[in-house]
N, C-alpha and C. Protein backbone atom coordinates (compact mmCIF):
# COMPACT_ATOMS: atom_id res chain seq x y z
N MET A 1 4.21 117.49 -74.69
CA MET A 1 3.46 116.97 -73.57
C MET A 1 1.97 116.92 -73.94
N SER A 2 1.39 115.78 -73.80
CA SER A 2 -0.01 115.66 -74.19
C SER A 2 -0.90 115.67 -72.95
N THR A 3 -2.07 116.22 -73.13
CA THR A 3 -3.05 116.20 -72.04
C THR A 3 -4.27 115.43 -72.52
N ARG A 4 -4.80 114.65 -71.63
CA ARG A 4 -5.98 113.85 -71.99
C ARG A 4 -7.24 114.66 -71.73
N ARG A 5 -8.16 114.55 -72.66
CA ARG A 5 -9.45 115.19 -72.44
C ARG A 5 -10.27 114.29 -71.53
N PRO A 6 -11.20 114.86 -70.79
CA PRO A 6 -11.99 114.04 -69.87
C PRO A 6 -12.91 113.08 -70.61
N ARG A 7 -13.13 111.92 -70.02
CA ARG A 7 -14.08 110.95 -70.57
C ARG A 7 -15.41 111.19 -69.88
N TYR A 8 -16.41 111.52 -70.65
CA TYR A 8 -17.71 111.84 -70.09
C TYR A 8 -18.63 110.64 -70.08
N ARG A 9 -19.58 110.66 -69.16
CA ARG A 9 -20.67 109.71 -69.12
C ARG A 9 -21.96 110.52 -69.13
N TYR A 10 -22.95 109.99 -69.81
CA TYR A 10 -24.24 110.66 -69.93
C TYR A 10 -25.28 109.81 -69.20
N ILE A 11 -25.93 110.41 -68.23
CA ILE A 11 -26.87 109.70 -67.38
C ILE A 11 -28.29 110.18 -67.71
N ALA A 12 -29.12 109.26 -68.16
CA ALA A 12 -30.52 109.57 -68.45
C ALA A 12 -31.31 109.44 -67.15
N PHE A 13 -32.22 110.39 -66.93
CA PHE A 13 -33.02 110.36 -65.71
C PHE A 13 -34.43 110.86 -65.99
N ARG A 14 -35.33 110.52 -65.06
CA ARG A 14 -36.73 110.94 -65.16
C ARG A 14 -37.11 111.61 -63.85
N VAL A 15 -37.79 112.75 -63.95
CA VAL A 15 -38.28 113.46 -62.77
C VAL A 15 -39.77 113.17 -62.64
N GLU A 16 -40.14 112.52 -61.54
CA GLU A 16 -41.55 112.19 -61.29
C GLU A 16 -42.08 113.17 -60.26
N GLY A 17 -43.03 113.97 -60.70
CA GLY A 17 -43.60 114.98 -59.82
C GLY A 17 -45.01 115.34 -60.24
N PRO A 18 -45.58 116.34 -59.60
CA PRO A 18 -46.97 116.71 -59.87
C PRO A 18 -47.18 117.38 -61.23
N ARG A 19 -46.11 117.87 -61.85
CA ARG A 19 -46.22 118.55 -63.14
C ARG A 19 -44.91 118.43 -63.90
N ALA A 20 -44.92 118.87 -65.13
CA ALA A 20 -43.68 118.92 -65.92
C ALA A 20 -42.91 120.17 -65.50
N PHE A 21 -41.59 120.05 -65.45
CA PHE A 21 -40.75 121.15 -65.02
C PHE A 21 -39.97 121.71 -66.20
N SER A 22 -39.55 122.97 -66.07
CA SER A 22 -38.75 123.60 -67.12
C SER A 22 -37.29 123.22 -66.92
N PRO A 23 -36.48 123.31 -67.97
CA PRO A 23 -35.04 123.03 -67.82
C PRO A 23 -34.37 123.93 -66.79
N ASP A 24 -34.81 125.18 -66.69
CA ASP A 24 -34.22 126.10 -65.71
C ASP A 24 -34.50 125.66 -64.28
N GLU A 25 -35.69 125.13 -64.03
CA GLU A 25 -36.03 124.66 -62.69
C GLU A 25 -35.18 123.45 -62.31
N VAL A 26 -34.97 122.55 -63.25
CA VAL A 26 -34.14 121.36 -62.98
C VAL A 26 -32.68 121.78 -62.83
N LEU A 27 -32.23 122.71 -63.65
CA LEU A 27 -30.86 123.21 -63.57
C LEU A 27 -30.59 123.81 -62.20
N GLU A 28 -31.55 124.53 -61.66
CA GLU A 28 -31.41 125.11 -60.33
C GLU A 28 -31.27 124.01 -59.27
N ALA A 29 -32.01 122.92 -59.41
CA ALA A 29 -31.91 121.80 -58.46
C ALA A 29 -30.55 121.10 -58.58
N LEU A 30 -30.02 121.01 -59.80
CA LEU A 30 -28.72 120.36 -60.01
C LEU A 30 -27.56 121.21 -59.50
N ARG A 31 -27.76 122.51 -59.47
CA ARG A 31 -26.68 123.42 -59.11
C ARG A 31 -26.12 123.17 -57.72
N GLY A 32 -26.94 122.75 -56.80
CA GLY A 32 -26.48 122.55 -55.44
C GLY A 32 -25.86 121.19 -55.17
N LEU A 33 -25.82 120.31 -56.15
CA LEU A 33 -25.31 118.96 -55.93
C LEU A 33 -23.78 118.95 -55.88
N PRO A 34 -23.21 118.14 -55.00
CA PRO A 34 -21.74 118.09 -54.88
C PRO A 34 -21.04 117.50 -56.10
N ALA A 35 -21.71 116.65 -56.85
CA ALA A 35 -21.08 116.01 -58.00
C ALA A 35 -20.97 116.96 -59.19
N ARG A 36 -21.71 118.07 -59.17
CA ARG A 36 -21.70 119.10 -60.21
C ARG A 36 -21.96 118.55 -61.61
N PRO A 37 -23.08 117.86 -61.80
CA PRO A 37 -23.40 117.38 -63.15
C PRO A 37 -23.81 118.54 -64.05
N HIS A 38 -23.63 118.34 -65.35
CA HIS A 38 -24.00 119.34 -66.35
C HIS A 38 -25.27 118.86 -67.03
N LEU A 39 -26.29 119.71 -67.08
CA LEU A 39 -27.55 119.34 -67.73
C LEU A 39 -27.40 119.51 -69.23
N VAL A 40 -27.46 118.39 -69.96
CA VAL A 40 -27.33 118.41 -71.41
C VAL A 40 -28.67 118.73 -72.06
N GLY A 41 -29.74 118.15 -71.54
CA GLY A 41 -31.06 118.39 -72.09
C GLY A 41 -32.14 117.96 -71.12
N PHE A 42 -33.31 118.60 -71.25
CA PHE A 42 -34.44 118.24 -70.40
C PHE A 42 -35.72 118.65 -71.11
N ASN A 43 -36.73 117.77 -71.10
CA ASN A 43 -37.96 118.05 -71.85
C ASN A 43 -39.23 118.06 -71.00
N GLY A 44 -39.12 118.32 -69.73
CA GLY A 44 -40.31 118.36 -68.87
C GLY A 44 -40.34 117.22 -67.87
N ARG A 45 -40.00 116.02 -68.31
CA ARG A 45 -39.95 114.85 -67.42
C ARG A 45 -38.64 114.08 -67.56
N LEU A 46 -38.11 113.98 -68.77
CA LEU A 46 -36.89 113.21 -69.03
C LEU A 46 -35.71 114.14 -69.26
N GLY A 47 -34.54 113.73 -68.75
CA GLY A 47 -33.37 114.58 -68.91
C GLY A 47 -32.10 113.78 -69.10
N LEU A 48 -31.04 114.50 -69.47
CA LEU A 48 -29.74 113.90 -69.69
C LEU A 48 -28.70 114.78 -69.00
N ALA A 49 -27.91 114.16 -68.12
CA ALA A 49 -26.87 114.88 -67.38
C ALA A 49 -25.51 114.32 -67.77
N ARG A 50 -24.51 115.19 -67.81
CA ARG A 50 -23.15 114.78 -68.16
C ARG A 50 -22.25 114.90 -66.93
N CYS A 51 -21.35 113.93 -66.79
CA CYS A 51 -20.35 113.98 -65.72
C CYS A 51 -19.08 113.31 -66.23
N ILE A 52 -17.98 113.46 -65.49
CA ILE A 52 -16.76 112.76 -65.88
C ILE A 52 -16.84 111.33 -65.36
N HIS A 53 -16.14 110.43 -66.02
CA HIS A 53 -16.33 109.00 -65.74
C HIS A 53 -15.99 108.60 -64.31
N VAL A 54 -15.05 109.28 -63.67
CA VAL A 54 -14.68 108.89 -62.31
C VAL A 54 -15.71 109.34 -61.28
N ARG A 55 -16.64 110.23 -61.66
CA ARG A 55 -17.68 110.70 -60.74
C ARG A 55 -19.06 110.18 -61.10
N LYS A 56 -19.12 109.13 -61.92
CA LYS A 56 -20.40 108.60 -62.39
C LYS A 56 -21.27 108.13 -61.23
N ASP A 57 -20.74 107.29 -60.36
CA ASP A 57 -21.53 106.75 -59.25
C ASP A 57 -21.98 107.87 -58.30
N GLU A 58 -21.08 108.82 -58.06
CA GLU A 58 -21.41 109.95 -57.20
C GLU A 58 -22.54 110.79 -57.83
N THR A 59 -22.49 110.96 -59.14
CA THR A 59 -23.51 111.74 -59.84
C THR A 59 -24.86 111.03 -59.80
N ILE A 60 -24.85 109.72 -60.00
CA ILE A 60 -26.10 108.95 -59.94
C ILE A 60 -26.73 109.07 -58.55
N ALA A 61 -25.91 108.94 -57.52
CA ALA A 61 -26.41 109.08 -56.15
C ALA A 61 -26.95 110.49 -55.91
N ALA A 62 -26.26 111.49 -56.44
CA ALA A 62 -26.71 112.87 -56.27
C ALA A 62 -28.03 113.12 -56.99
N LEU A 63 -28.17 112.58 -58.20
CA LEU A 63 -29.43 112.73 -58.94
C LEU A 63 -30.59 112.08 -58.18
N ARG A 64 -30.34 110.91 -57.62
CA ARG A 64 -31.39 110.21 -56.87
C ARG A 64 -31.75 110.94 -55.57
N SER A 65 -30.84 111.76 -55.07
CA SER A 65 -31.09 112.45 -53.81
C SER A 65 -31.93 113.71 -53.97
N ILE A 66 -32.19 114.13 -55.20
CA ILE A 66 -33.01 115.33 -55.41
C ILE A 66 -34.43 115.05 -54.92
N GLU A 67 -34.89 115.88 -53.99
CA GLU A 67 -36.22 115.69 -53.41
C GLU A 67 -37.19 116.80 -53.79
N ARG A 68 -36.64 117.97 -54.16
CA ARG A 68 -37.50 119.11 -54.49
C ARG A 68 -36.99 119.81 -55.74
N VAL A 69 -37.92 120.14 -56.62
CA VAL A 69 -37.63 120.96 -57.79
C VAL A 69 -38.67 122.07 -57.80
N ALA A 70 -38.21 123.30 -57.84
CA ALA A 70 -39.09 124.48 -57.85
C ALA A 70 -40.06 124.45 -56.66
N GLY A 71 -39.58 123.97 -55.52
CA GLY A 71 -40.40 123.95 -54.32
C GLY A 71 -41.42 122.83 -54.25
N GLU A 72 -41.44 121.95 -55.23
CA GLU A 72 -42.40 120.85 -55.24
C GLU A 72 -41.68 119.53 -55.01
N SER A 73 -42.33 118.64 -54.30
CA SER A 73 -41.75 117.34 -53.98
C SER A 73 -41.68 116.47 -55.24
N VAL A 74 -40.50 115.88 -55.48
CA VAL A 74 -40.30 115.04 -56.67
C VAL A 74 -39.51 113.79 -56.29
N ARG A 75 -39.50 112.86 -57.21
CA ARG A 75 -38.67 111.66 -57.11
C ARG A 75 -37.89 111.57 -58.41
N THR A 76 -36.58 111.40 -58.32
CA THR A 76 -35.75 111.30 -59.52
C THR A 76 -35.30 109.87 -59.69
N VAL A 77 -35.54 109.32 -60.88
CA VAL A 77 -35.17 107.94 -61.20
C VAL A 77 -34.14 107.98 -62.32
N THR A 78 -33.01 107.31 -62.11
CA THR A 78 -32.02 107.23 -63.18
C THR A 78 -32.38 106.05 -64.07
N LEU A 79 -32.33 106.28 -65.38
CA LEU A 79 -32.74 105.27 -66.35
C LEU A 79 -31.57 104.47 -66.89
N GLY A 80 -30.39 105.09 -66.97
CA GLY A 80 -29.23 104.38 -67.48
C GLY A 80 -28.08 105.33 -67.77
N THR A 81 -26.93 104.74 -68.09
CA THR A 81 -25.71 105.50 -68.35
C THR A 81 -25.12 105.06 -69.67
N SER A 82 -24.54 106.02 -70.40
CA SER A 82 -23.91 105.71 -71.67
C SER A 82 -22.69 106.61 -71.86
N GLY A 83 -21.85 106.25 -72.82
CA GLY A 83 -20.66 107.03 -73.11
C GLY A 83 -20.88 108.09 -74.17
N THR A 84 -22.03 108.06 -74.86
CA THR A 84 -22.32 109.06 -75.89
C THR A 84 -23.75 109.57 -75.74
N ILE A 85 -23.96 110.79 -76.18
CA ILE A 85 -25.30 111.37 -76.13
C ILE A 85 -26.25 110.59 -77.03
N ARG A 86 -25.77 110.24 -78.22
CA ARG A 86 -26.61 109.52 -79.18
C ARG A 86 -27.12 108.20 -78.61
N ARG A 87 -26.24 107.43 -78.01
CA ARG A 87 -26.64 106.12 -77.48
C ARG A 87 -27.55 106.28 -76.26
N ALA A 88 -27.25 107.24 -75.39
CA ALA A 88 -28.10 107.46 -74.23
C ALA A 88 -29.50 107.87 -74.65
N THR A 89 -29.58 108.72 -75.66
CA THR A 89 -30.88 109.18 -76.14
C THR A 89 -31.66 108.04 -76.78
N SER A 90 -31.00 107.29 -77.64
CA SER A 90 -31.72 106.22 -78.34
C SER A 90 -32.10 105.07 -77.41
N LYS A 91 -31.26 104.80 -76.43
CA LYS A 91 -31.51 103.65 -75.56
C LYS A 91 -32.47 103.97 -74.41
N TYR A 92 -32.39 105.17 -73.86
CA TYR A 92 -33.15 105.47 -72.64
C TYR A 92 -34.21 106.56 -72.79
N LEU A 93 -34.08 107.46 -73.76
CA LEU A 93 -34.98 108.61 -73.81
C LEU A 93 -35.94 108.62 -74.99
N ASP A 94 -35.72 107.77 -75.98
CA ASP A 94 -36.64 107.67 -77.11
C ASP A 94 -38.00 107.18 -76.63
N ASP A 95 -39.05 107.57 -77.31
CA ASP A 95 -40.39 107.11 -76.94
C ASP A 95 -40.50 105.60 -77.00
N ARG A 96 -39.93 105.00 -78.04
CA ARG A 96 -39.99 103.54 -78.17
C ARG A 96 -39.23 102.86 -77.04
N ALA A 97 -38.09 103.41 -76.64
CA ALA A 97 -37.28 102.80 -75.58
C ALA A 97 -38.01 102.84 -74.25
N THR A 98 -38.65 103.98 -73.94
CA THR A 98 -39.35 104.06 -72.67
C THR A 98 -40.59 103.18 -72.66
N GLN A 99 -41.25 103.04 -73.81
CA GLN A 99 -42.42 102.16 -73.91
C GLN A 99 -42.01 100.70 -73.68
N SER A 100 -40.92 100.27 -74.33
CA SER A 100 -40.50 98.87 -74.19
C SER A 100 -39.98 98.59 -72.79
N ALA A 101 -39.36 99.57 -72.15
CA ALA A 101 -38.89 99.38 -70.78
C ALA A 101 -40.07 99.20 -69.84
N ARG A 102 -41.11 99.98 -70.04
CA ARG A 102 -42.30 99.83 -69.21
C ARG A 102 -42.96 98.47 -69.44
N ALA A 103 -43.02 98.05 -70.69
CA ALA A 103 -43.66 96.77 -71.02
C ALA A 103 -42.89 95.60 -70.43
N SER A 104 -41.57 95.68 -70.41
CA SER A 104 -40.77 94.57 -69.88
C SER A 104 -40.87 94.46 -68.37
N ARG A 105 -41.24 95.56 -67.68
CA ARG A 105 -41.35 95.52 -66.23
C ARG A 105 -42.70 95.00 -65.76
N LYS A 106 -43.68 94.96 -66.64
CA LYS A 106 -45.01 94.47 -66.25
C LYS A 106 -44.95 92.98 -65.97
N GLU A 107 -45.65 92.59 -64.93
CA GLU A 107 -45.66 91.17 -64.58
C GLU A 107 -46.67 90.43 -65.44
N PRO A 108 -46.35 89.20 -65.81
CA PRO A 108 -47.30 88.42 -66.62
C PRO A 108 -48.54 88.06 -65.82
N LEU A 109 -49.63 87.90 -66.53
CA LEU A 109 -50.90 87.57 -65.87
C LEU A 109 -50.98 86.13 -65.46
C-alpha cells in the first residue's frame, strides 16, 4: 500500500511596516492563522511560507489578513506562489527579481 507525500506550495510575501521584524515575531503572527502555514524563511521584510497545495488559496488569504506583528500595524503583500523553494526564491525574493518587479509596475512618463 503506497501513501502519497503532500504536494507543497511556497508562497513569497513581503511585510510592510514601520521596521524590519525578526523571524520569531513573524512566526508568532503566523501561529494563530487557521491555514497553519509553515515559515520557511524570513529576512526582516521578505519571507517564504509553505503550505499544502489544497490550502494554497486559504493560506494566501490568511497571510493577507495579518494586520499586526509584534504589536505594530503592518500590511502583508503576497508576491507569488511556486512549487519549489528554489524557484520561489529566484523568481520573487532575489534582489534582481524585486527590482524588476518594481520597475515593471512604474507607469511610463
